[in-house]
Amino acid sequence: MLLKNREYFTLVLDDITIENNPSLIQLISGIYDNCHIAILSSDLFASVNGNDKLMYTLLGNSCENIVMQHGSNISADAWSKAIGYYEKIETSTNSSYGKSRGGLSLFPTYNSNEGINYSVKQDAIVKPEQILRMQLNEMYVYDKKSNSLSHKTILY
């Protein structure tokens, strides 16, 4: 009724399993001017029953995501994937030197080889083990407006 009447409201979902409720999924998957939704969950991935697509839809439609300590490896892995990856360039150098004496020559010949190898691979911005090791007063905050990820510690 509030959506139809264009009334402004905020919906707060506190540790509610989302996946088994189609009307709730439709509401939170849509983007409405008059509705803000806050989803609080000790484990969002478990709240969507492990549905990657639904979790990424929620995260993609949200303005701000706050990730705190997780006890589940599966959820920490899902959050790590959701935060994303960057291209990591690794370099390695190799070198070899040699000396040889040819048949009739009195002087030795020297040779050297040097090389640099570059490899580009994808690495997680925040690794799952970093999420698992966080203290109770730590969090990662992603702000969609500024497209920034920050690591925060709350002092108390």
Foldseek 3Di string as FASTA:
>chain_A
DCQVVLAADEAEAAAAQQQVDVVSLVVLLDDGPRYHYHYHHLFVCVSPPNDLVSVLSNVVRDQKDKAAAHQDLSRLQSVQVSLHKDKDKDKDKDKDKDWADDDPDPHIDIDMDMDMDIDIDIDGPQHSVNSNPGDRQWIWMAGNVVRDIDIDGDDD
